[in-house]
PDB file of N, CA and C in Angstrom:
ATOM      1  N   UNK A   1     116.326  81.697 130.260  1.00  0.00           N
ATOM      2  CA  UNK A   1     115.414  81.490 129.193  1.00  0.00           C
ATOM      3  C   UNK A   1     115.965  81.815 127.790  1.00  0.00           C
ATOM      4  N   UNK A   2     116.282  83.071 127.486  1.00  0.00           N
ATOM      5  CA  UNK A   2     116.710  83.470 126.168  1.00  0.00           C
ATOM      6  C   UNK A   2     118.114  82.955 125.935  1.00  0.00           C
ATOM      7  N   UNK A   3     118.944  82.770 126.901  1.00  0.00           N
ATOM      8  CA  UNK A   3     120.287  82.318 126.711  1.00  0.00           C
ATOM      9  C   UNK A   3     120.291  80.938 126.049  1.00  0.00           C
ATOM     10  N   UNK A   4     119.385  80.116 126.398  1.00  0.00           N
ATOM     11  CA  UNK A   4     119.274  78.745 125.758  1.00  0.00           C
ATOM     12  C   UNK A   4     118.998  78.865 124.292  1.00  0.00           C
ATOM     13  N   UNK A   5     118.133  79.808 123.906  1.00  0.00           N
ATOM     14  CA  UNK A   5     117.832  79.954 122.528  1.00  0.00           C
ATOM     15  C   UNK A   5     118.879  80.695 121.781  1.00  0.00           C
ATOM     16  N   UNK A   6     119.644  81.503 122.420  1.00  0.00           N
ATOM     17  CA  UNK A   6     120.728  82.341 121.847  1.00  0.00           C
ATOM     18  C   UNK A   6     121.951  81.422 121.466  1.00  0.00           C
ATOM     19  N   UNK A   7     122.212  80.422 122.231  1.00  0.00           N
ATOM     20  CA  UNK A   7     123.388  79.615 122.049  1.00  0.00           C
ATOM     21  C   UNK A   7     123.610  79.094 120.600  1.00  0.00           C
ATOM     22  N   UNK A   8     122.647  78.485 119.979  1.00  0.00           N
ATOM     23  CA  UNK A   8     122.885  78.021 118.599  1.00  0.00           C
ATOM     24  C   UNK A   8     123.194  79.097 117.641  1.00  0.00           C
ATOM     25  N   UNK A   9     122.757  80.325 117.868  1.00  0.00           N
ATOM     26  CA  UNK A   9     123.029  81.432 116.956  1.00  0.00           C
ATOM     27  C   UNK A   9     124.512  81.786 116.934  1.00  0.00           C
ATOM     28  N   UNK A  10     125.176  81.618 118.067  1.00  0.00           N
ATOM     29  CA  UNK A  10     126.614  81.948 118.216  1.00  0.00           C
ATOM     30  C   UNK A  10     127.469  80.971 117.376  1.00  0.00           C
ATOM     31  N   UNK A  11     126.974  79.787 117.247  1.00  0.00           N
ATOM     32  CA  UNK A  11     127.808  78.716 116.644  1.00  0.00           C
ATOM     33  C   UNK A  11     127.584  78.625 115.137  1.00  0.00           C
ATOM     34  N   UNK A  12     126.864  79.533 114.504  1.00  0.00           N
ATOM     35  CA  UNK A  12     126.564  79.522 113.088  1.00  0.00           C
ATOM     36  C   UNK A  12     127.792  79.669 112.243  1.00  0.00           C
ATOM     37  N   UNK A  13     127.752  79.062 111.049  1.00  0.00           N
ATOM     38  CA  UNK A  13     128.875  79.156 110.125  1.00  0.00           C
ATOM     39  C   UNK A  13     128.951  80.570 109.573  1.00  0.00           C
ATOM     40  N   UNK A  14     130.178  81.048 109.311  1.00  0.00           N
ATOM     41  CA  UNK A  14     130.438  82.329 108.767  1.00  0.00           C
ATOM     42  C   UNK A  14     129.615  82.515 107.479  1.00  0.00           C
ATOM     43  N   UNK A  15     128.878  83.605 107.409  1.00  0.00           N
ATOM     44  CA  UNK A  15     128.035  83.875 106.203  1.00  0.00           C
ATOM     45  C   UNK A  15     126.615  83.423 106.391  1.00  0.00           C
ATOM     46  N   UNK A  16     126.316  82.636 107.410  1.00  0.00           N
ATOM     47  CA  UNK A  16     124.944  82.187 107.722  1.00  0.00           C
ATOM     48  C   UNK A  16     124.121  83.356 108.162  1.00  0.00           C
ATOM     49  N   UNK A  17     122.862  83.341 107.803  1.00  0.00           N
ATOM     50  CA  UNK A  17     121.946  84.392 108.226  1.00  0.00           C
ATOM     51  C   UNK A  17     120.705  83.721 108.938  1.00  0.00           C
ATOM     52  N   UNK A  18     120.312  84.331 109.977  1.00  0.00           N
ATOM     53  CA  UNK A  18     119.078  83.914 110.703  1.00  0.00           C
ATOM     54  C   UNK A  18     118.159  85.175 110.935  1.00  0.00           C
ATOM     55  N   UNK A  19     116.911  84.957 110.590  1.00  0.00           N
ATOM     56  CA  UNK A  19     115.946  86.047 110.823  1.00  0.00           C
ATOM     57  C   UNK A  19     115.172  85.727 112.042  1.00  0.00           C
ATOM     58  N   UNK A  20     115.132  86.599 112.983  1.00  0.00           N
ATOM     59  CA  UNK A  20     114.331  86.443 114.227  1.00  0.00           C
ATOM     60  C   UNK A  20     113.321  87.566 114.234  1.00  0.00           C
ATOM     61  N   UNK A  21     112.044  87.169 114.424  1.00  0.00           N
ATOM     62  CA  UNK A  21     111.003  88.214 114.509  1.00  0.00           C
ATOM     63  C   UNK A  21     110.505  88.242 115.957  1.00  0.00           C
ATOM     64  N   UNK A  22     110.199  89.458 116.412  1.00  0.00           N
ATOM     65  CA  UNK A  22     109.704  89.585 117.793  1.00  0.00           C
ATOM     66  C   UNK A  22     109.035  90.963 117.925  1.00  0.00           C
ATOM     67  N   UNK A  23     108.194  91.037 118.895  1.00  0.00           N
ATOM     68  CA  UNK A  23     107.564  92.350 119.250  1.00  0.00           C
ATOM     69  C   UNK A  23     108.314  93.056 120.341  1.00  0.00           C
ATOM     70  N   UNK A  24     109.279  92.254 120.936  1.00  0.00           N
ATOM     71  CA  UNK A  24     110.003  92.788 122.081  1.00  0.00           C
ATOM     72  C   UNK A  24     111.313  93.296 121.673  1.00  0.00           C
ATOM     73  N   UNK A  25     111.619  94.601 121.931  1.00  0.00           N
ATOM     74  CA  UNK A  25     112.873  95.190 121.509  1.00  0.00           C
ATOM     75  C   UNK A  25     114.091  94.523 122.143  1.00  0.00           C
ATOM     76  N   UNK A  26     113.957  94.137 123.377  1.00  0.00           N
ATOM     77  CA  UNK A  26     115.155  93.633 124.141  1.00  0.00           C
ATOM     78  C   UNK A  26     115.576  92.278 123.571  1.00  0.00           C
ATOM     79  N   UNK A  27     114.829  91.582 122.832  1.00  0.00           N
ATOM     80  CA  UNK A  27     115.157  90.294 122.255  1.00  0.00           C
ATOM     81  C   UNK A  27     116.321  90.495 121.284  1.00  0.00           C
ATOM     82  N   UNK A  28     116.273  91.492 120.480  1.00  0.00           N
ATOM     83  CA  UNK A  28     117.376  91.758 119.569  1.00  0.00           C
ATOM     84  C   UNK A  28     118.739  91.967 120.255  1.00  0.00           C
ATOM     85  N   UNK A  29     118.646  92.666 121.426  1.00  0.00           N
ATOM     86  CA  UNK A  29     119.897  92.890 122.202  1.00  0.00           C
ATOM     87  C   UNK A  29     120.388  91.562 122.735  1.00  0.00           C
ATOM     88  N   UNK A  30     119.447  90.770 123.281  1.00  0.00           N
ATOM     89  CA  UNK A  30     119.860  89.478 123.825  1.00  0.00           C
ATOM     90  C   UNK A  30     120.487  88.528 122.772  1.00  0.00           C
ATOM     91  N   UNK A  31     119.900  88.518 121.556  1.00  0.00           N
ATOM     92  CA  UNK A  31     120.354  87.764 120.501  1.00  0.00           C
ATOM     93  C   UNK A  31     121.616  88.340 119.777  1.00  0.00           C
ATOM     94  N   UNK A  32     122.038  89.499 120.252  1.00  0.00           N
ATOM     95  CA  UNK A  32     123.203  90.154 119.636  1.00  0.00           C
ATOM     96  C   UNK A  32     123.027  90.394 118.091  1.00  0.00           C
ATOM     97  N   UNK A  33     121.863  90.937 117.767  1.00  0.00           N
ATOM     98  CA  UNK A  33     121.525  91.139 116.414  1.00  0.00           C
ATOM     99  C   UNK A  33     122.473  92.188 115.735  1.00  0.00           C
ATOM    100  N   UNK A  34     122.890  91.900 114.492  1.00  0.00           N
ATOM    101  CA  UNK A  34     123.711  92.853 113.786  1.00  0.00           C
ATOM    102  C   UNK A  34     122.860  94.039 113.218  1.00  0.00           C
ATOM    103  N   UNK A  35     121.666  93.659 112.760  1.00  0.00           N
ATOM    104  CA  UNK A  35     120.773  94.630 112.166  1.00  0.00           C
ATOM    105  C   UNK A  35     119.344  94.489 112.727  1.00  0.00           C
ATOM    106  N   UNK A  36     118.653  95.519 113.028  1.00  0.00           N
ATOM    107  CA  UNK A  36     117.324  95.505 113.558  1.00  0.00           C
ATOM    108  C   UNK A  36     116.474  96.358 112.651  1.00  0.00           C
ATOM    109  N   UNK A  37     115.393  95.751 112.183  1.00  0.00           N
ATOM    110  CA  UNK A  37     114.459  96.524 111.365  1.00  0.00           C
ATOM    111  C   UNK A  37     113.117  96.576 112.129  1.00  0.00           C
ATOM    112  N   UNK A  38     112.733  97.807 112.348  1.00  0.00           N
ATOM    113  CA  UNK A  38     111.421  97.977 113.023  1.00  0.00           C
ATOM    114  C   UNK A  38     110.354  98.179 111.953  1.00  0.00           C
ATOM    115  N   UNK A  39     109.277  97.518 112.074  1.00  0.00           N
ATOM    116  CA  UNK A  39     108.157  97.708 111.073  1.00  0.00           C
ATOM    117  C   UNK A  39     107.062  98.460 111.700  1.00  0.00           C
ATOM    118  N   UNK A  40     106.455  99.370 110.827  1.00  0.00           N
ATOM    119  CA  UNK A  40     105.325 100.154 111.342  1.00  0.00           C
ATOM    120  C   UNK A  40     104.038  99.315 111.102  1.00  0.00           C
ATOM    121  N   UNK A  41     102.965  99.649 111.812  1.00  0.00           N
ATOM    122  CA  UNK A  41     101.695  98.931 111.506  1.00  0.00           C
ATOM    123  C   UNK A  41     101.215  99.409 110.116  1.00  0.00           C
ATOM    124  N   UNK A  42     100.356  98.581 109.534  1.00  0.00           N
ATOM    125  CA  UNK A  42      99.783  98.908 108.218  1.00  0.00           C
ATOM    126  C   UNK A  42      98.959 100.181 108.313  1.00  0.00           C
ATOM    127  N   UNK A  43      98.920 100.966 107.268  1.00  0.00           N
ATOM    128  CA  UNK A  43      97.961 102.089 107.248  1.00  0.00           C
ATOM    129  C   UNK A  43      96.542 101.486 106.990  1.00  0.00           C
ATOM    130  N   UNK A  44      95.568 102.349 107.238  1.00  0.00           N
ATOM    131  CA  UNK A  44      94.215 101.869 106.975  1.00  0.00           C
ATOM    132  C   UNK A  44      93.936 101.402 105.567  1.00  0.00           C
ATOM    133  N   UNK A  45      94.543 102.129 104.615  1.00  0.00           N
ATOM    134  CA  UNK A  45      94.408 101.789 103.224  1.00  0.00           C
ATOM    135  C   UNK A  45      95.121 100.496 102.881  1.00  0.00           C
ATOM    136  N   UNK A  46      96.334 100.354 103.350  1.00  0.00           N
ATOM    137  CA  UNK A  46      97.087  99.024 103.102  1.00  0.00           C
ATOM    138  C   UNK A  46      96.381  97.914 103.820  1.00  0.00           C
ATOM    139  N   UNK A  47      95.886  98.175 105.081  1.00  0.00           N
ATOM    140  CA  UNK A  47      95.171  97.124 105.773  1.00  0.00           C
ATOM    141  C   UNK A  47      93.910  96.691 104.981  1.00  0.00           C
ATOM    142  N   UNK A  48      93.203  97.625 104.454  1.00  0.00           N
ATOM    143  CA  UNK A  48      91.986  97.339 103.686  1.00  0.00           C
ATOM    144  C   UNK A  48      92.339  96.548 102.358  1.00  0.00           C
ATOM    145  N   UNK A  49      93.410  96.915 101.773  1.00  0.00           N
ATOM    146  CA  UNK A  49      93.829  96.244 100.531  1.00  0.00           C
ATOM    147  C   UNK A  49      94.108  94.746 100.860  1.00  0.00           C
ATOM    148  N   UNK A  50      94.914  94.551 101.921  1.00  0.00           N
ATOM    149  CA  UNK A  50      95.242  93.137 102.330  1.00  0.00           C
ATOM    150  C   UNK A  50      93.984  92.383 102.712  1.00  0.00           C
ATOM    151  N   UNK A  51      93.113  93.003 103.549  1.00  0.00           N
ATOM    152  CA  UNK A  51      91.873  92.363 103.967  1.00  0.00           C
ATOM    153  C   UNK A  51      91.013  92.008 102.821  1.00  0.00           C
ATOM    154  N   UNK A  52      90.746  92.909 101.842  1.00  0.00           N
ATOM    155  CA  UNK A  52      89.859  92.614 100.781  1.00  0.00           C
ATOM    156  C   UNK A  52      90.420  91.562  99.850  1.00  0.00           C
ATOM    157  N   UNK A  53      91.734  91.483  99.700  1.00  0.00           N
ATOM    158  CA  UNK A  53      92.330  90.350  98.880  1.00  0.00           C
ATOM    159  C   UNK A  53      91.999  89.047  99.453  1.00  0.00           C
ATOM    160  N   UNK A  54      91.843  88.986 100.798  1.00  0.00           N
ATOM    161  CA  UNK A  54      91.627  87.673 101.462  1.00  0.00           C
ATOM    162  C   UNK A  54      90.189  87.449 101.691  1.00  0.00           C
ATOM    163  N   UNK A  55      89.357  88.519 101.917  1.00  0.00           N
ATOM    164  CA  UNK A  55      87.952  88.346 102.199  1.00  0.00           C
ATOM    165  C   UNK A  55      87.080  88.235 101.016  1.00  0.00           C
ATOM    166  N   UNK A  56      87.488  88.780  99.857  1.00  0.00           N
ATOM    167  CA  UNK A  56      86.661  88.752  98.703  1.00  0.00           C
ATOM    168  C   UNK A  56      87.442  88.150  97.548  1.00  0.00           C
ATOM    169  N   UNK A  57      86.845  87.333  96.790  1.00  0.00           N
ATOM    170  CA  UNK A  57      87.474  86.694  95.671  1.00  0.00           C
ATOM    171  C   UNK A  57      88.070  87.729  94.738  1.00  0.00           C
ATOM    172  N   UNK A  58      89.360  87.831  94.700  1.00  0.00           N
ATOM    173  CA  UNK A  58      90.031  88.823  93.805  1.00  0.00           C
ATOM    174  C   UNK A  58      89.687  90.263  94.188  1.00  0.00           C
ATOM    175  N   UNK A  59      89.359  90.527  95.397  1.00  0.00           N
ATOM    176  CA  UNK A  59      88.933  91.886  95.838  1.00  0.00           C
ATOM    177  C   UNK A  59      87.612  92.273  95.374  1.00  0.00           C
ATOM    178  N   UNK A  60      86.753  91.355  94.856  1.00  0.00           N
ATOM    179  CA  UNK A  60      85.478  91.631  94.285  1.00  0.00           C
ATOM    180  C   UNK A  60      84.343  91.745  95.354  1.00  0.00           C
ATOM    181  N   UNK A  61      83.792  92.896  95.555  1.00  0.00           N
ATOM    182  CA  UNK A  61      82.713  93.107  96.546  1.00  0.00           C
ATOM    183  C   UNK A  61      81.324  92.756  96.050  1.00  0.00           C
ATOM    184  N   UNK A  62      81.253  92.107  94.885  1.00  0.00           N
ATOM    185  CA  UNK A  62      79.965  91.855  94.265  1.00  0.00           C
ATOM    186  C   UNK A  62      78.977  91.059  95.105  1.00  0.00           C
ATOM    187  N   UNK A  63      79.525  90.183  95.997  1.00  0.00           N
ATOM    188  CA  UNK A  63      78.575  89.354  96.777  1.00  0.00           C
ATOM    189  C   UNK A  63      77.671  90.222  97.691  1.00  0.00           C
ATOM    190  N   UNK A  64      78.214  91.323  98.202  1.00  0.00           N
ATOM    191  CA  UNK A  64      77.476  92.267  99.029  1.00  0.00           C
ATOM    192  C   UNK A  64      78.247  93.582  99.212  1.00  0.00           C
ATOM    193  N   UNK A  65      77.947  94.583  98.402  1.00  0.00           N
ATOM    194  CA  UNK A  65      78.759  95.830  98.504  1.00  0.00           C
ATOM    195  C   UNK A  65      78.666  96.501  99.864  1.00  0.00           C
ATOM    196  N   UNK A  66      77.622  96.185 100.640  1.00  0.00           N
ATOM    197  CA  UNK A  66      77.549  96.788 102.021  1.00  0.00           C
ATOM    198  C   UNK A  66      78.726  96.298 102.983  1.00  0.00           C
ATOM    199  N   UNK A  67      79.343  95.231 102.617  1.00  0.00           N
ATOM    200  CA  UNK A  67      80.377  94.692 103.484  1.00  0.00           C
ATOM    201  C   UNK A  67      81.667  95.551 103.500  1.00  0.00           C
ATOM    202  N   UNK A  68      81.818  96.427 102.576  1.00  0.00           N
ATOM    203  CA  UNK A  68      83.048  97.268 102.619  1.00  0.00           C
ATOM    204  C   UNK A  68      83.108  98.094 103.924  1.00  0.00           C
ATOM    205  N   UNK A  69      82.034  98.766 104.231  1.00  0.00           N
ATOM    206  CA  UNK A  69      82.049  99.575 105.467  1.00  0.00           C
ATOM    207  C   UNK A  69      82.368  98.769 106.720  1.00  0.00           C
ATOM    208  N   UNK A  70      81.708  97.558 106.770  1.00  0.00           N
ATOM    209  CA  UNK A  70      81.972  96.735 107.959  1.00  0.00           C
ATOM    210  C   UNK A  70      83.416  96.220 107.922  1.00  0.00           C
ATOM    211  N   UNK A  71      83.907  95.870 106.719  1.00  0.00           N
ATOM    212  CA  UNK A  71      85.234  95.329 106.564  1.00  0.00           C
ATOM    213  C   UNK A  71      86.329  96.356 106.946  1.00  0.00           C
ATOM    214  N   UNK A  72      86.037  97.632 106.598  1.00  0.00           N
ATOM    215  CA  UNK A  72      86.995  98.691 107.024  1.00  0.00           C
ATOM    216  C   UNK A  72      86.966  98.892 108.503  1.00  0.00           C
ATOM    217  N   UNK A  73      85.838  98.694 109.173  1.00  0.00           N
ATOM    218  CA  UNK A  73      85.818  98.792 110.628  1.00  0.00           C
ATOM    219  C   UNK A  73      86.538  97.678 111.260  1.00  0.00           C
ATOM    220  N   UNK A  74      86.436  96.531 110.715  1.00  0.00           N
ATOM    221  CA  UNK A  74      87.168  95.323 111.143  1.00  0.00           C
ATOM    222  C   UNK A  74      88.674  95.577 111.062  1.00  0.00           C
ATOM    223  N   UNK A  75      89.120  96.099 109.872  1.00  0.00           N
ATOM    224  CA  UNK A  75      90.545  96.434 109.707  1.00  0.00           C
ATOM    225  C   UNK A  75      91.000  97.436 110.714  1.00  0.00           C
ATOM    226  N   UNK A  76      90.152  98.406 111.056  1.00  0.00           N
ATOM    227  CA  UNK A  76      90.531  99.453 112.016  1.00  0.00           C
ATOM    228  C   UNK A  76      90.808  98.878 113.438  1.00  0.00           C
ATOM    229  N   UNK A  77      90.103  97.785 113.706  1.00  0.00           N
ATOM    230  CA  UNK A  77      90.251  97.138 115.035  1.00  0.00           C
ATOM    231  C   UNK A  77      91.469  96.217 115.075  1.00  0.00           C
ATOM    232  N   UNK A  78      92.034  95.966 113.971  1.00  0.00           N
ATOM    233  CA  UNK A  78      93.246  95.087 113.922  1.00  0.00           C
ATOM    234  C   UNK A  78      94.549  95.844 114.281  1.00  0.00           C
ATOM    235  N   UNK A  79      94.491  97.040 114.510  1.00  0.00           N
ATOM    236  CA  UNK A  79      95.663  97.842 114.919  1.00  0.00           C
ATOM    237  C   UNK A  79      96.816  97.802 113.897  1.00  0.00           C
ATOM    238  N   UNK A  80      96.462  97.573 112.672  1.00  0.00           N
ATOM    239  CA  UNK A  80      97.586  97.635 111.654  1.00  0.00           C
ATOM    240  C   UNK A  80      98.446  96.339 111.611  1.00  0.00           C
ATOM    241  N   UNK A  81      97.963  95.320 112.302  1.00  0.00           N
ATOM    242  CA  UNK A  81      98.708  94.013 112.333  1.00  0.00           C
ATOM    243  C   UNK A  81      98.325  93.185 111.134  1.00  0.00           C
ATOM    244  N   UNK A  82      99.306  93.013 110.208  1.00  0.00           N
ATOM    245  CA  UNK A  82      99.013  92.266 108.995  1.00  0.00           C
ATOM    246  C   UNK A  82      98.492  90.821 109.220  1.00  0.00           C
ATOM    247  N   UNK A  83      98.966  90.098 110.214  1.00  0.00           N
ATOM    248  CA  UNK A  83      98.534  88.778 110.398  1.00  0.00           C
ATOM    249  C   UNK A  83      97.060  88.709 110.866  1.00  0.00           C
ATOM    250  N   UNK A  84      96.656  89.703 111.710  1.00  0.00           N
ATOM    251  CA  UNK A  84      95.289  89.789 112.172  1.00  0.00           C
ATOM    252  C   UNK A  84      94.353  90.139 110.971  1.00  0.00           C
ATOM    253  N   UNK A  85      94.751  91.088 110.192  1.00  0.00           N
ATOM    254  CA  UNK A  85      93.942  91.481 109.012  1.00  0.00           C
ATOM    255  C   UNK A  85      93.777  90.317 108.033  1.00  0.00           C
ATOM    256  N   UNK A  86      94.934  89.615 107.791  1.00  0.00           N
ATOM    257  CA  UNK A  86      94.827  88.470 106.842  1.00  0.00           C
ATOM    258  C   UNK A  86      94.008  87.356 107.406  1.00  0.00           C
ATOM    259  N   UNK A  87      94.200  87.064 108.619  1.00  0.00           N
ATOM    260  CA  UNK A  87      93.417  85.933 109.268  1.00  0.00           C
ATOM    261  C   UNK A  87      91.917  86.234 109.231  1.00  0.00           C
ATOM    262  N   UNK A  88      91.524  87.445 109.698  1.00  0.00           N
ATOM    263  CA  UNK A  88      90.092  87.777 109.719  1.00  0.00           C
ATOM    264  C   UNK A  88      89.565  87.861 108.258  1.00  0.00           C
ATOM    265  N   UNK A  89      90.233  88.302 107.312  1.00  0.00           N
ATOM    266  CA  UNK A  89      89.757  88.340 105.889  1.00  0.00           C
ATOM    267  C   UNK A  89      89.546  86.879 105.449  1.00  0.00           C
ATOM    268  N   UNK A  90      90.490  86.022 105.781  1.00  0.00           N
ATOM    269  CA  UNK A  90      90.326  84.614 105.379  1.00  0.00           C
ATOM    270  C   UNK A  90      89.081  83.981 106.004  1.00  0.00           C
ATOM    271  N   UNK A  91      88.889  84.216 107.335  1.00  0.00           N
ATOM    272  CA  UNK A  91      87.748  83.639 108.010  1.00  0.00           C
ATOM    273  C   UNK A  91      86.424  84.105 107.450  1.00  0.00           C
ATOM    274  N   UNK A  92      86.355  85.308 106.912  1.00  0.00           N
ATOM    275  CA  UNK A  92      85.149  85.878 106.399  1.00  0.00           C
ATOM    276  C   UNK A  92      84.914  85.624 104.898  1.00  0.00           C
ATOM    277  N   UNK A  93      85.929  85.032 104.291  1.00  0.00           N
ATOM    278  CA  UNK A  93      85.969  84.858 102.847  1.00  0.00           C
ATOM    279  C   UNK A  93      84.691  84.251 102.224  1.00  0.00           C
ATOM    280  N   UNK A  94      84.194  83.241 102.925  1.00  0.00           N
ATOM    281  CA  UNK A  94      83.059  82.477 102.348  1.00  0.00           C
ATOM    282  C   UNK A  94      81.726  83.019 102.859  1.00  0.00           C
ATOM    283  N   UNK A  95      81.757  84.073 103.592  1.00  0.00           N
ATOM    284  CA  UNK A  95      80.501  84.637 104.213  1.00  0.00           C
ATOM    285  C   UNK A  95      80.104  85.969 103.541  1.00  0.00           C
ATOM    286  N   UNK A  96      78.931  86.000 102.902  1.00  0.00           N
ATOM    287  CA  UNK A  96      78.508  87.257 102.277  1.00  0.00           C
ATOM    288  C   UNK A  96      77.307  87.779 103.075  1.00  0.00           C
ATOM    289  N   UNK A  97      77.090  87.301 104.259  1.00  0.00           N
ATOM    290  CA  UNK A  97      75.983  87.602 105.110  1.00  0.00           C
ATOM    291  C   UNK A  97      76.405  88.807 106.061  1.00  0.00           C
ATOM    292  N   UNK A  98      75.693  89.950 105.953  1.00  0.00           N
ATOM    293  CA  UNK A  98      76.011  91.082 106.861  1.00  0.00           C
ATOM    294  C   UNK A  98      75.939  90.747 108.319  1.00  0.00           C
ATOM    295  N   UNK A  99      74.922  89.956 108.681  1.00  0.00           N
ATOM    296  CA  UNK A  99      74.728  89.585 110.053  1.00  0.00           C
ATOM    297  C   UNK A  99      75.972  88.826 110.661  1.00  0.00           C
ATOM    298  N   UNK A 100      76.544  87.981 109.778  1.00  0.00           N
ATOM    299  CA  UNK A 100      77.744  87.226 110.210  1.00  0.00           C
ATOM    300  C   UNK A 100      78.922  88.154 110.465  1.00  0.00           C
ATOM    301  N   UNK A 101      79.055  89.157 109.579  1.00  0.00           N
ATOM    302  CA  UNK A 101      80.198  90.088 109.740  1.00  0.00           C
ATOM    303  C   UNK A 101      79.968  90.942 110.992  1.00  0.00           C
TER     304      UNK A 101
END
């Protein structure tokens, strides 16, 4: 499996850089990565900041201030994963209805 994907990386021109992202630590070993950067999940505050930028026009809670508490609970269920936070914020962007949230 991974050997097929790894082959083109070996043939790269000197100085070429390829970024591979994965949640599996062993993939970096298989790909013979020179550098591995592990990212930590977002903090609750950073998650809320990202979520609110996507869920509310310019971070503005004016459509319904009660949504902040619900939004923070949603962020907490995302486990610090930026893509989940951003996607859910975007899905809720046009909805100011508490029942929908």
